[in-house]
N, C-alpha and C. Protein backbone atom coordinates (compact mmCIF):
# COMPACT_ATOMS: atom_id res chain seq x y z
N MET A 1 14.44 3.51 9.62
CA MET A 1 14.33 1.93 9.79
C MET A 1 13.53 1.52 8.84
N LYS A 2 13.92 0.37 8.26
CA LYS A 2 13.14 -0.34 7.18
C LYS A 2 12.29 -1.39 7.72
N TYR A 3 11.22 -1.83 7.13
CA TYR A 3 10.34 -2.92 7.43
C TYR A 3 10.16 -3.76 6.18
N ARG A 4 10.10 -5.17 6.48
CA ARG A 4 9.80 -6.04 5.31
C ARG A 4 8.26 -5.96 5.02
N ILE A 5 7.70 -6.18 3.88
CA ILE A 5 6.30 -6.29 3.61
C ILE A 5 6.07 -7.76 3.64
N THR A 6 5.10 -8.16 4.39
CA THR A 6 4.72 -9.61 4.34
C THR A 6 3.61 -9.96 3.67
N ASP A 7 2.70 -9.07 3.23
CA ASP A 7 1.62 -9.19 2.47
C ASP A 7 1.21 -7.98 1.98
N LEU A 8 0.67 -8.12 0.80
CA LEU A 8 0.01 -6.98 0.01
C LEU A 8 -1.45 -7.35 -0.28
N THR A 9 -2.42 -6.46 -0.22
CA THR A 9 -3.87 -6.70 -0.50
C THR A 9 -4.42 -5.57 -1.24
N GLU A 10 -4.92 -6.08 -2.51
CA GLU A 10 -5.60 -5.09 -3.44
C GLU A 10 -7.12 -5.21 -3.14
N PRO A 11 -7.85 -4.19 -3.45
CA PRO A 11 -9.23 -4.11 -3.31
C PRO A 11 -9.85 -4.84 -4.51
N ASP A 12 -10.85 -5.57 -4.52
CA ASP A 12 -11.65 -6.30 -5.31
C ASP A 12 -12.94 -5.38 -5.82
N ASN A 13 -12.88 -4.46 -6.76
CA ASN A 13 -13.85 -3.80 -7.16
C ASN A 13 -14.71 -4.42 -8.23
N GLY A 14 -14.46 -5.63 -8.53
CA GLY A 14 -15.49 -6.40 -9.47
C GLY A 14 -15.65 -5.75 -10.62
N CYS A 15 -16.65 -5.90 -11.49
CA CYS A 15 -16.67 -5.37 -12.81
C CYS A 15 -17.13 -3.83 -12.65
N GLU A 16 -17.48 -3.44 -11.52
CA GLU A 16 -17.69 -1.89 -11.31
C GLU A 16 -16.52 -1.14 -11.55
N GLY A 17 -15.33 -1.47 -11.15
CA GLY A 17 -14.27 -0.92 -11.20
C GLY A 17 -14.09 0.09 -10.12
N PHE A 18 -13.39 1.27 -10.38
CA PHE A 18 -13.42 2.39 -9.56
C PHE A 18 -14.30 3.50 -9.80
N ALA A 19 -14.66 4.17 -8.95
CA ALA A 19 -15.52 5.48 -9.21
C ALA A 19 -14.51 6.57 -9.97
N GLU A 20 -15.11 7.43 -10.77
CA GLU A 20 -14.33 8.40 -11.49
C GLU A 20 -13.52 9.30 -10.36
N GLY A 21 -12.27 9.45 -10.55
CA GLY A 21 -11.55 10.31 -9.78
C GLY A 21 -11.00 9.40 -8.51
N GLU A 22 -11.51 8.28 -8.24
CA GLU A 22 -11.09 7.20 -7.07
C GLU A 22 -9.80 7.00 -7.29
N GLU A 23 -8.91 7.14 -6.25
CA GLU A 23 -7.42 6.58 -6.45
C GLU A 23 -7.20 5.23 -5.87
N PRO A 24 -7.01 4.10 -6.73
CA PRO A 24 -6.70 2.97 -6.22
C PRO A 24 -5.73 2.85 -5.09
N MET A 25 -5.83 2.03 -4.14
CA MET A 25 -5.12 1.93 -3.08
C MET A 25 -4.79 0.44 -2.79
N VAL A 26 -3.57 0.28 -2.34
CA VAL A 26 -3.27 -1.09 -1.87
C VAL A 26 -2.97 -1.08 -0.09
N THR A 27 -3.23 -2.28 0.36
CA THR A 27 -2.86 -2.31 1.70
C THR A 27 -1.59 -3.28 1.87
N LEU A 28 -0.55 -2.61 2.58
CA LEU A 28 0.70 -3.39 2.99
C LEU A 28 0.71 -3.73 4.33
N GLU A 29 0.90 -5.11 4.54
CA GLU A 29 1.08 -5.47 5.89
C GLU A 29 2.61 -5.71 6.26
N LEU A 30 2.95 -5.13 7.24
CA LEU A 30 4.59 -4.94 7.63
C LEU A 30 4.76 -6.11 8.70
N GLU A 31 6.12 -6.33 8.74
CA GLU A 31 6.63 -7.48 9.56
C GLU A 31 6.07 -7.24 11.04
N ASP A 32 6.02 -5.79 11.43
CA ASP A 32 5.72 -5.39 12.86
C ASP A 32 4.23 -5.52 13.11
N GLY A 33 3.31 -5.91 12.22
CA GLY A 33 1.97 -6.31 12.24
C GLY A 33 1.18 -5.05 11.74
N ARG A 34 1.91 -4.04 11.36
CA ARG A 34 1.09 -2.84 11.10
C ARG A 34 0.56 -2.88 9.60
N LYS A 35 -0.62 -2.39 9.17
CA LYS A 35 -1.19 -2.31 8.02
C LYS A 35 -1.30 -0.92 7.49
N ILE A 36 -0.70 -0.40 6.33
CA ILE A 36 -0.65 0.75 5.93
C ILE A 36 -1.25 0.78 4.41
N LYS A 37 -1.95 1.80 4.08
CA LYS A 37 -2.56 2.00 2.82
C LYS A 37 -1.92 3.07 1.95
N VAL A 38 -1.43 2.72 0.79
CA VAL A 38 -0.59 3.46 -0.14
C VAL A 38 -1.34 3.41 -1.48
N PRO A 39 -1.00 4.38 -2.25
CA PRO A 39 -1.62 4.52 -3.58
C PRO A 39 -1.11 3.30 -4.42
N ASP A 40 -1.86 2.50 -5.22
CA ASP A 40 -1.47 1.46 -5.90
C ASP A 40 -0.31 1.79 -6.96
N VAL A 41 -0.44 2.96 -7.58
CA VAL A 41 0.69 3.15 -8.58
C VAL A 41 2.04 3.62 -7.65
N THR A 42 2.01 4.11 -6.58
CA THR A 42 3.15 4.38 -5.76
C THR A 42 3.86 3.11 -5.40
N ALA A 43 3.02 1.92 -4.86
CA ALA A 43 3.59 0.87 -4.75
C ALA A 43 4.35 0.10 -5.88
N TYR A 44 3.66 0.26 -7.00
CA TYR A 44 4.09 -0.30 -8.02
C TYR A 44 5.56 0.32 -8.55
N LYS A 45 5.51 1.68 -8.43
CA LYS A 45 6.80 2.41 -9.04
C LYS A 45 7.83 2.07 -8.11
N ASN A 46 7.54 1.84 -6.73
CA ASN A 46 8.64 1.66 -5.65
C ASN A 46 9.00 0.05 -5.57
N GLY A 47 8.39 -0.81 -6.19
CA GLY A 47 8.54 -2.10 -6.05
C GLY A 47 8.15 -2.67 -4.72
N TRP A 48 7.10 -1.99 -4.05
CA TRP A 48 6.64 -2.55 -2.70
C TRP A 48 5.71 -3.77 -3.01
N ASP A 49 6.29 -5.01 -2.96
CA ASP A 49 5.50 -6.22 -2.96
C ASP A 49 5.95 -7.07 -1.89
N THR A 50 5.42 -8.12 -1.66
CA THR A 50 5.63 -9.05 -0.73
C THR A 50 7.10 -9.48 -0.59
N GLY A 51 7.85 -9.17 0.45
CA GLY A 51 9.30 -9.49 0.50
C GLY A 51 10.07 -8.08 0.33
N ALA A 52 9.51 -7.19 -0.08
CA ALA A 52 10.27 -5.87 -0.36
C ALA A 52 10.49 -5.26 0.84
N GLU A 53 11.18 -4.21 1.09
CA GLU A 53 11.17 -3.32 2.29
C GLU A 53 10.60 -1.91 1.94
N ILE A 54 10.22 -1.29 3.06
CA ILE A 54 9.73 0.04 3.05
C ILE A 54 10.28 0.74 4.25
N SER A 55 10.73 2.05 4.03
CA SER A 55 11.34 2.83 5.21
C SER A 55 10.26 3.72 5.92
N ASP A 56 10.67 4.15 7.03
CA ASP A 56 9.79 4.98 7.95
C ASP A 56 9.65 6.18 7.11
N GLU A 57 10.54 6.87 6.44
CA GLU A 57 10.35 8.05 5.55
C GLU A 57 9.28 7.77 4.51
N ASP A 58 9.49 6.61 3.90
CA ASP A 58 8.41 6.39 2.88
C ASP A 58 6.90 6.14 3.31
N ILE A 59 6.68 5.55 4.47
CA ILE A 59 5.58 5.41 5.19
C ILE A 59 5.13 6.87 5.64
N GLU A 60 5.82 7.52 6.10
CA GLU A 60 5.37 8.88 6.58
C GLU A 60 4.80 9.84 5.15
N ARG A 61 5.64 9.54 4.18
CA ARG A 61 5.22 10.30 2.90
C ARG A 61 4.11 9.78 2.24
N TYR A 62 3.98 8.53 2.20
CA TYR A 62 2.95 7.90 1.17
C TYR A 62 1.60 7.32 1.82
N ALA A 63 1.76 6.98 3.07
CA ALA A 63 0.73 6.21 3.83
C ALA A 63 -0.59 7.11 3.99
N ARG A 64 -1.71 6.58 3.78
CA ARG A 64 -2.88 7.46 3.85
C ARG A 64 -3.64 6.96 5.05
N LYS A 65 -4.29 7.66 5.76
CA LYS A 65 -4.96 7.54 6.93
C LYS A 65 -6.54 7.41 6.58
N ASP A 66 -7.09 6.32 7.22
CA ASP A 66 -8.57 6.04 7.00
C ASP A 66 -9.31 7.13 7.65
N ASN A 67 -10.47 7.55 6.99
CA ASN A 67 -11.38 8.52 7.73
C ASN A 67 -12.22 7.84 8.68
């Protein structure tokens, strides 16, 4: 199944930027209300932005769980 992305949130790390070795992540909000985190570079490469679609397979493959 595919889900439409209704919003995309990028972290604001200000002038400090990201810590060495830290992977920038974005949060995708889906039409069903779920919010999933994926690597920023992955979202960019796959064209995942507001209005785009993401599949169950891609969610399973790329979504990161919060600790």
